[in-house]
Amino acid sequence: MDIFTHVAIPLLLGRWLKRSGDEVAALAIGGLAPDLDIFLLPINVIHPNFFLLVHRGISHSLLFGFLAALLALRLFCAAPLQPRVSQHLGLNPKFTRRAILFAFAGVLIHLALDGLTTQGVPLLFPFDPARWSAEIFFYTETPLLLASLGILIFEVKMQKIVDHRKMLLLLLLLLAITGSLRLAEKVRAEGVFDDDATAFPAPNLFEWTVLTEEEGCFGVYGYHALSGEVLFDGNFPKMDIIISQKENFTEHGLKEALDRAENLPQVKTFRWKAYDVAISAAFRDGGWDLVYMDPVMAARMKDQSSPLKGFFSGLVFLDVRVE
């Protein structure tokens, strides 16, 4: 979910319940806290690991979400952020035990919202890295983003005349309507295909990406909810082996190479982030060149501009060399 909705809902909830300024501030800060994980991204680039130091990773679990709330609350209670929060929102964040509880409540709201979106959140990490997702919303939904942004502007500019209860109910109503629409579309999209099809929300409110499995291949389709149109986006073999007649290899050698690759942190992280994974294996110069590809992201990116493809390439494929 977008950052504005993550802040707006706990902020409005706290003000509607007439909580004190420091408690409302803690709720809003908690709603923001998990998304501060963007500052962890360079670590995973410099030193690949499987600590989920990625967006929607480690900080989007219950345990580390609590730690993120602590750090964020402490950060916003210090200069120069604390005076700015007080000036623009009329709130006075404080680092107290009670404020920490309210900040964690904001984190729980954040995790609940992200759990409704595609690919979800790893609630039980580090005990279980699996992501929990209802696959109803895309990462951001334009109607919710614009509504939340407008509400936050009202909160800053016309705080004294804003009816917090009505604003909260309006935002929750929009969330419910958008979610109901998306859920109905998802059922229709999956109903077009066999039982093994899974529909994932696409950036457009009325579009879905459907992943099927057929005879050792992934099939990817686009579904437009308004017209009912189905577009074929491509087939991706689950395992594609490319060899030269001059090269000698054994199936055991390929299995060994795959086993070694699967233990690499960058491969584990790619699998964790991907909707699903197809593998291309090429035996060259006495070693294996393995390409891990997310078929859903590959289909979505095929018609995009080169700069956009380059920016999201890390979500589409991963190259690994195993000697």
Protein backbone atom coordinates (compact mmCIF):
# COMPACT_ATOMS: atom_id res chain seq x y z
CA MET A 1 0.00 0.00 0.00
CA ASP A 2 1.19 3.54 -0.63
CA ILE A 3 2.90 5.57 2.09
CA PHE A 4 0.11 8.17 2.31
CA THR A 5 -2.52 5.55 3.17
CA HIS A 6 -0.16 3.97 5.70
CA VAL A 7 0.09 7.30 7.53
CA ALA A 8 -3.46 8.60 6.99
CA ILE A 9 -5.39 5.67 8.49
CA PRO A 10 -3.60 5.49 11.88
CA LEU A 11 -3.45 9.31 12.06
CA LEU A 12 -7.21 9.68 11.50
CA LEU A 13 -7.96 6.77 13.82
CA GLY A 14 -5.97 8.32 16.65
CA ARG A 15 -7.58 11.72 16.22
CA TRP A 16 -11.09 10.25 15.95
CA LEU A 17 -10.51 8.37 19.22
CA LYS A 18 -9.34 11.67 20.75
CA ARG A 19 -5.98 10.31 21.83
CA SER A 20 -3.28 12.68 23.04
CA GLY A 21 -0.89 14.36 20.62
CA ASP A 22 2.01 12.06 21.45
CA GLU A 23 -0.17 8.94 21.06
CA VAL A 24 -1.52 10.06 17.68
CA ALA A 25 2.01 10.90 16.59
CA ALA A 26 3.19 7.43 17.64
CA LEU A 27 0.37 5.78 15.68
CA ALA A 28 1.27 7.70 12.52
CA ILE A 29 4.99 7.07 12.97
CA GLY A 30 4.29 3.36 13.44
CA GLY A 31 2.28 3.40 10.23
CA LEU A 32 5.32 4.78 8.43
CA ALA A 33 8.05 2.79 10.22
CA PRO A 34 8.19 -0.48 8.20
CA ASP A 35 8.74 1.40 4.94
CA LEU A 36 11.93 2.94 6.26
CA ASP A 37 13.46 -0.35 5.07
CA ILE A 38 14.30 1.43 1.82
CA PHE A 39 17.45 2.64 3.58
CA LEU A 40 18.55 -1.01 3.96
CA LEU A 41 18.56 -1.70 0.20
CA PRO A 42 22.23 -0.77 -0.42
CA ILE A 43 23.35 -3.40 2.11
CA ASN A 44 21.87 -6.24 0.06
CA VAL A 45 23.44 -4.83 -3.12
CA ILE A 46 26.91 -4.52 -1.59
CA HIS A 47 26.77 -7.78 0.36
CA PRO A 48 24.12 -10.29 -0.84
CA ASN A 49 22.41 -12.06 2.04
CA PHE A 50 19.14 -13.71 3.00
CA PHE A 51 18.26 -11.46 5.92
CA LEU A 52 15.49 -9.93 3.76
CA LEU A 53 17.16 -6.51 3.75
CA VAL A 54 14.83 -5.51 0.92
CA HIS A 55 11.66 -3.46 0.67
CA ARG A 56 8.79 -5.31 2.35
CA GLY A 57 11.30 -7.64 3.91
CA ILE A 58 12.65 -7.84 7.44
CA SER A 59 10.85 -4.74 8.77
CA HIS A 60 7.48 -6.10 7.62
CA SER A 61 7.51 -8.92 10.17
CA LEU A 62 5.97 -8.76 13.63
CA LEU A 63 9.28 -9.02 15.47
CA PHE A 64 11.36 -6.63 13.40
CA GLY A 65 8.35 -4.40 12.80
CA PHE A 66 8.38 -3.73 16.55
CA LEU A 67 12.08 -2.85 16.37
CA ALA A 68 11.37 -0.60 13.37
CA ALA A 69 8.72 1.18 15.43
CA LEU A 70 11.23 1.76 18.24
CA LEU A 71 13.83 3.19 15.87
CA ALA A 72 11.36 5.35 13.95
CA LEU A 73 9.79 6.75 17.12
CA ARG A 74 13.22 7.56 18.52
CA LEU A 75 14.17 9.24 15.24
CA PHE A 76 11.04 11.41 15.10
CA CYS A 77 11.46 12.43 18.74
CA ALA A 78 14.85 13.95 18.01
CA ALA A 79 15.74 17.23 16.34
CA PRO A 80 15.19 18.34 13.64
CA LEU A 81 12.17 16.08 12.94
CA GLN A 82 10.29 16.57 16.22
CA PRO A 83 9.77 20.34 15.80
CA ARG A 84 8.58 19.87 12.22
CA VAL A 85 6.00 17.25 13.20
CA SER A 86 4.75 19.57 15.91
CA GLN A 87 4.60 22.55 13.55
CA HIS A 88 2.81 20.92 10.60
CA LEU A 89 0.58 18.33 12.28
CA GLY A 90 0.13 19.77 15.75
CA LEU A 91 1.54 16.60 17.28
CA ASN A 92 4.23 16.16 19.88
CA PRO A 93 5.98 12.79 19.55
CA LYS A 94 7.48 11.44 22.76
CA PHE A 95 9.57 8.35 23.42
CA THR A 96 7.62 6.70 26.25
CA ARG A 97 6.42 3.16 26.96
CA ARG A 98 2.87 4.13 26.09
CA ALA A 99 4.00 5.79 22.86
CA ILE A 100 5.92 2.63 21.93
CA LEU A 101 2.71 0.58 22.23
CA PHE A 102 0.85 3.02 20.00
CA ALA A 103 3.70 2.96 17.49
CA PHE A 104 3.49 -0.83 17.35
CA ALA A 105 -0.27 -0.54 16.80
CA GLY A 106 0.56 1.64 13.79
CA VAL A 107 2.92 -1.09 12.55
CA LEU A 108 0.14 -3.68 12.86
CA ILE A 109 -2.13 -1.48 10.72
CA HIS A 110 0.68 -1.18 8.18
CA LEU A 111 1.20 -4.96 8.03
CA ALA A 112 -2.54 -5.59 7.72
CA LEU A 113 -2.78 -3.22 4.75
CA ASP A 114 0.28 -4.66 3.02
CA GLY A 115 -1.06 -8.16 3.63
CA LEU A 116 -3.93 -7.28 1.29
CA THR A 117 -1.53 -6.34 -1.52
CA THR A 118 0.33 -8.48 -4.02
CA GLN A 119 3.14 -10.62 -2.60
CA GLY A 120 2.28 -9.61 0.96
CA VAL A 121 4.54 -9.56 4.02
CA PRO A 122 6.74 -12.08 5.92
CA LEU A 123 4.85 -11.81 9.21
CA LEU A 124 6.73 -14.59 11.03
CA PHE A 125 10.28 -13.84 9.87
CA PRO A 126 12.90 -14.92 11.03
CA PHE A 127 11.05 -18.08 12.10
CA ASP A 128 9.39 -18.47 8.70
CA PRO A 129 10.22 -16.34 5.63
CA ALA A 130 6.94 -17.18 3.86
CA ARG A 131 4.89 -14.17 2.80
CA TRP A 132 1.24 -13.78 3.71
CA SER A 133 -0.87 -12.15 1.02
CA ALA A 134 -4.52 -11.93 0.02
CA GLU A 135 -3.41 -10.85 -3.50
CA ILE A 136 -6.27 -8.34 -3.77
CA PHE A 137 -4.55 -4.97 -4.28
CA PHE A 138 -1.51 -4.00 -6.32
CA TYR A 139 1.37 -2.41 -4.39
CA THR A 140 -0.37 0.94 -4.75
CA GLU A 141 -3.89 1.73 -5.93
CA THR A 142 -4.32 5.17 -7.50
CA PRO A 143 -7.75 5.98 -5.94
CA LEU A 144 -6.47 5.23 -2.44
CA LEU A 145 -3.20 7.07 -2.99
CA LEU A 146 -4.93 10.24 -4.21
CA ALA A 147 -7.58 10.14 -1.47
CA SER A 148 -4.99 9.64 1.28
CA LEU A 149 -2.77 12.39 -0.10
CA GLY A 150 -5.73 14.80 -0.22
CA ILE A 151 -6.72 13.94 3.34
CA LEU A 152 -3.18 14.50 4.63
CA ILE A 153 -3.07 17.89 2.90
CA PHE A 154 -6.35 18.79 4.61
CA GLU A 155 -4.88 17.62 7.92
CA VAL A 156 -1.91 19.94 7.50
CA LYS A 157 -3.69 22.98 6.05
CA MET A 158 -7.12 22.89 7.75
CA GLN A 159 -6.62 20.71 10.79
CA LYS A 160 -9.05 22.60 13.02
CA ILE A 161 -12.07 22.22 10.72
CA VAL A 162 -11.48 18.63 9.56
CA ASP A 163 -13.99 16.04 10.76
CA HIS A 164 -11.59 13.17 11.48
CA ARG A 165 -14.37 10.60 11.85
CA LYS A 166 -15.88 11.40 8.44
CA MET A 167 -12.47 11.46 6.81
CA LEU A 168 -11.59 8.06 8.28
CA LEU A 169 -14.92 6.53 7.28
CA LEU A 170 -14.54 7.96 3.78
CA LEU A 171 -11.08 6.44 3.39
CA LEU A 172 -12.17 3.07 4.80
CA LEU A 173 -15.22 3.08 2.52
CA LEU A 174 -13.01 3.72 -0.50
CA LEU A 175 -10.70 0.92 0.67
CA ALA A 176 -13.67 -1.46 0.98
CA ILE A 177 -15.14 -0.51 -2.41
CA THR A 178 -11.79 -0.84 -4.19
CA GLY A 179 -11.10 -4.13 -2.43
CA SER A 180 -14.53 -5.55 -3.28
CA LEU A 181 -14.08 -4.56 -6.92
CA ARG A 182 -10.63 -6.11 -7.04
CA LEU A 183 -11.81 -9.33 -5.35
CA ALA A 184 -14.69 -9.76 -7.80
CA GLU A 185 -12.28 -9.22 -10.69
CA LYS A 186 -9.85 -11.79 -9.25
CA VAL A 187 -12.57 -14.45 -9.05
CA ARG A 188 -13.59 -13.77 -12.66
CA ALA A 189 -10.00 -13.79 -13.90
CA GLU A 190 -9.20 -17.15 -12.29
CA GLY A 191 -12.55 -18.55 -13.45
CA VAL A 192 -11.51 -18.15 -17.08
CA PHE A 193 -8.69 -20.67 -16.59
CA ASP A 194 -8.20 -24.07 -14.97
CA ASP A 195 -7.96 -24.68 -11.24
CA ASP A 196 -4.17 -24.22 -11.21
CA ALA A 197 -4.35 -20.60 -12.40
CA THR A 198 -3.46 -17.76 -10.04
CA ALA A 199 -4.42 -14.14 -10.74
CA PHE A 200 -2.16 -11.34 -9.50
CA PRO A 201 -3.28 -7.68 -9.45
CA ALA A 202 -1.61 -5.51 -12.09
CA PRO A 203 -0.91 -1.75 -11.84
CA ASN A 204 -4.15 -0.86 -13.63
CA LEU A 205 -7.20 -1.14 -11.36
CA PHE A 206 -9.02 -3.26 -13.95
CA GLU A 207 -6.15 -5.49 -15.10
CA TRP A 208 -4.73 -8.77 -13.82
CA THR A 209 -1.77 -11.01 -14.63
CA VAL A 210 -2.72 -14.69 -14.62
CA LEU A 211 -0.08 -17.41 -14.12
CA THR A 212 -0.83 -20.98 -15.23
CA GLU A 213 1.23 -24.19 -15.23
CA GLU A 214 0.99 -26.39 -18.32
CA GLU A 215 3.22 -29.39 -19.21
CA GLY A 216 6.45 -28.14 -17.70
CA CYS A 217 5.79 -24.53 -18.71
CA PHE A 218 4.46 -21.40 -17.10
CA GLY A 219 1.83 -19.62 -19.14
CA VAL A 220 1.29 -15.92 -18.48
CA TYR A 221 -1.85 -14.08 -19.56
CA GLY A 222 -3.25 -10.59 -19.16
CA TYR A 223 -6.90 -10.22 -18.18
CA HIS A 224 -8.89 -6.99 -18.57
CA ALA A 225 -11.83 -7.01 -16.18
CA LEU A 226 -13.97 -4.43 -17.98
CA SER A 227 -13.93 -6.10 -21.38
CA GLY A 228 -13.24 -9.67 -20.28
CA GLU A 229 -10.40 -9.75 -22.84
CA VAL A 230 -7.63 -12.31 -22.34
CA LEU A 231 -4.19 -11.63 -23.86
CA PHE A 232 -1.43 -14.22 -24.12
CA ASP A 233 1.84 -12.83 -22.75
CA GLY A 234 4.12 -15.83 -23.23
CA ASN A 235 5.23 -19.33 -22.26
CA PHE A 236 8.24 -19.87 -20.02
CA PRO A 237 9.74 -23.39 -19.63
CA LYS A 238 10.24 -24.26 -15.98
CA MET A 239 13.62 -25.73 -16.91
CA ASP A 240 15.28 -24.90 -20.23
CA ILE A 241 18.63 -26.66 -20.85
CA ILE A 242 20.90 -25.20 -23.54
CA ILE A 243 24.02 -27.16 -24.56
CA SER A 244 26.55 -27.21 -27.34
CA GLN A 245 27.31 -30.49 -29.11
CA LYS A 246 30.98 -29.86 -28.39
CA GLU A 247 30.42 -29.70 -24.64
CA ASN A 248 30.23 -32.75 -22.41
CA PHE A 249 27.98 -32.67 -19.38
CA THR A 250 25.95 -35.01 -17.21
CA GLU A 251 22.55 -34.66 -15.60
CA HIS A 252 24.26 -35.23 -12.27
CA GLY A 253 26.49 -32.25 -13.00
CA LEU A 254 23.47 -30.06 -13.69
CA LYS A 255 21.76 -31.21 -10.50
CA GLU A 256 24.92 -30.48 -8.53
CA ALA A 257 25.18 -27.01 -10.08
CA LEU A 258 21.55 -26.26 -9.25
CA ASP A 259 22.01 -27.47 -5.67
CA ARG A 260 25.02 -25.20 -5.25
CA ALA A 261 23.22 -22.24 -6.78
CA GLU A 262 20.16 -22.70 -4.58
CA ASN A 263 22.35 -22.20 -1.51
CA LEU A 264 23.55 -18.79 -2.69
CA PRO A 265 21.93 -15.89 -0.78
CA GLN A 266 21.16 -13.95 -3.96
CA VAL A 267 19.26 -16.93 -5.39
CA LYS A 268 17.33 -17.41 -2.15
CA THR A 269 16.41 -13.73 -2.14
CA PHE A 270 15.37 -13.79 -5.81
CA ARG A 271 13.13 -16.81 -5.22
CA TRP A 272 11.63 -15.10 -2.18
CA LYS A 273 10.81 -11.95 -4.16
CA ALA A 274 9.55 -13.72 -7.30
CA TYR A 275 5.98 -14.73 -8.11
CA ASP A 276 7.46 -17.99 -9.43
CA VAL A 277 10.74 -19.02 -11.01
CA ALA A 278 11.72 -20.47 -14.39
CA ILE A 279 15.34 -21.55 -14.95
CA SER A 280 17.49 -21.50 -18.08
CA ALA A 281 20.69 -23.57 -17.82
CA ALA A 282 23.49 -23.31 -20.40
CA PHE A 283 26.65 -25.45 -20.22
CA ARG A 284 29.60 -23.40 -21.47
CA ASP A 285 33.36 -23.61 -20.98
CA GLY A 286 33.10 -26.35 -18.40
CA GLY A 287 30.56 -24.59 -16.19
CA TRP A 288 26.89 -23.76 -15.93
CA ASP A 289 25.37 -20.36 -16.67
CA LEU A 290 22.05 -20.29 -14.84
CA VAL A 291 19.40 -17.65 -15.42
CA TYR A 292 16.60 -17.44 -12.88
CA MET A 293 13.56 -15.64 -14.27
CA ASP A 294 10.26 -14.50 -12.79
CA PRO A 295 7.71 -15.24 -15.56
CA VAL A 296 5.17 -12.74 -14.24
CA MET A 297 7.63 -9.86 -14.12
CA ALA A 298 9.16 -10.88 -17.47
CA ALA A 299 5.72 -10.69 -19.11
CA ARG A 300 4.96 -7.33 -17.51
CA MET A 301 8.26 -5.79 -18.54
CA LYS A 302 8.48 -7.03 -22.15
CA ASP A 303 6.71 -4.00 -23.65
CA GLN A 304 8.16 -1.40 -21.30
CA SER A 305 10.79 1.19 -22.19
CA SER A 306 14.48 0.29 -21.92
CA PRO A 307 15.12 2.56 -18.88
CA LEU A 308 12.21 0.95 -17.03
CA LYS A 309 13.40 -2.53 -17.97
CA GLY A 310 16.85 -1.69 -16.67
CA PHE A 311 15.50 -0.31 -13.40
CA PHE A 312 13.42 -3.42 -12.68
CA SER A 313 15.83 -5.98 -14.17
CA GLY A 314 16.72 -7.31 -10.73
CA LEU A 315 13.10 -8.35 -10.25
CA VAL A 316 12.92 -10.05 -13.67
CA PHE A 317 16.04 -12.23 -13.81
CA LEU A 318 19.21 -13.24 -11.98
CA ASP A 319 22.39 -14.57 -13.63
CA VAL A 320 24.51 -17.12 -11.77
CA ARG A 321 27.70 -18.87 -12.89
CA VAL A 322 28.53 -22.25 -11.33
CA GLU A 323 31.86 -23.85 -12.23
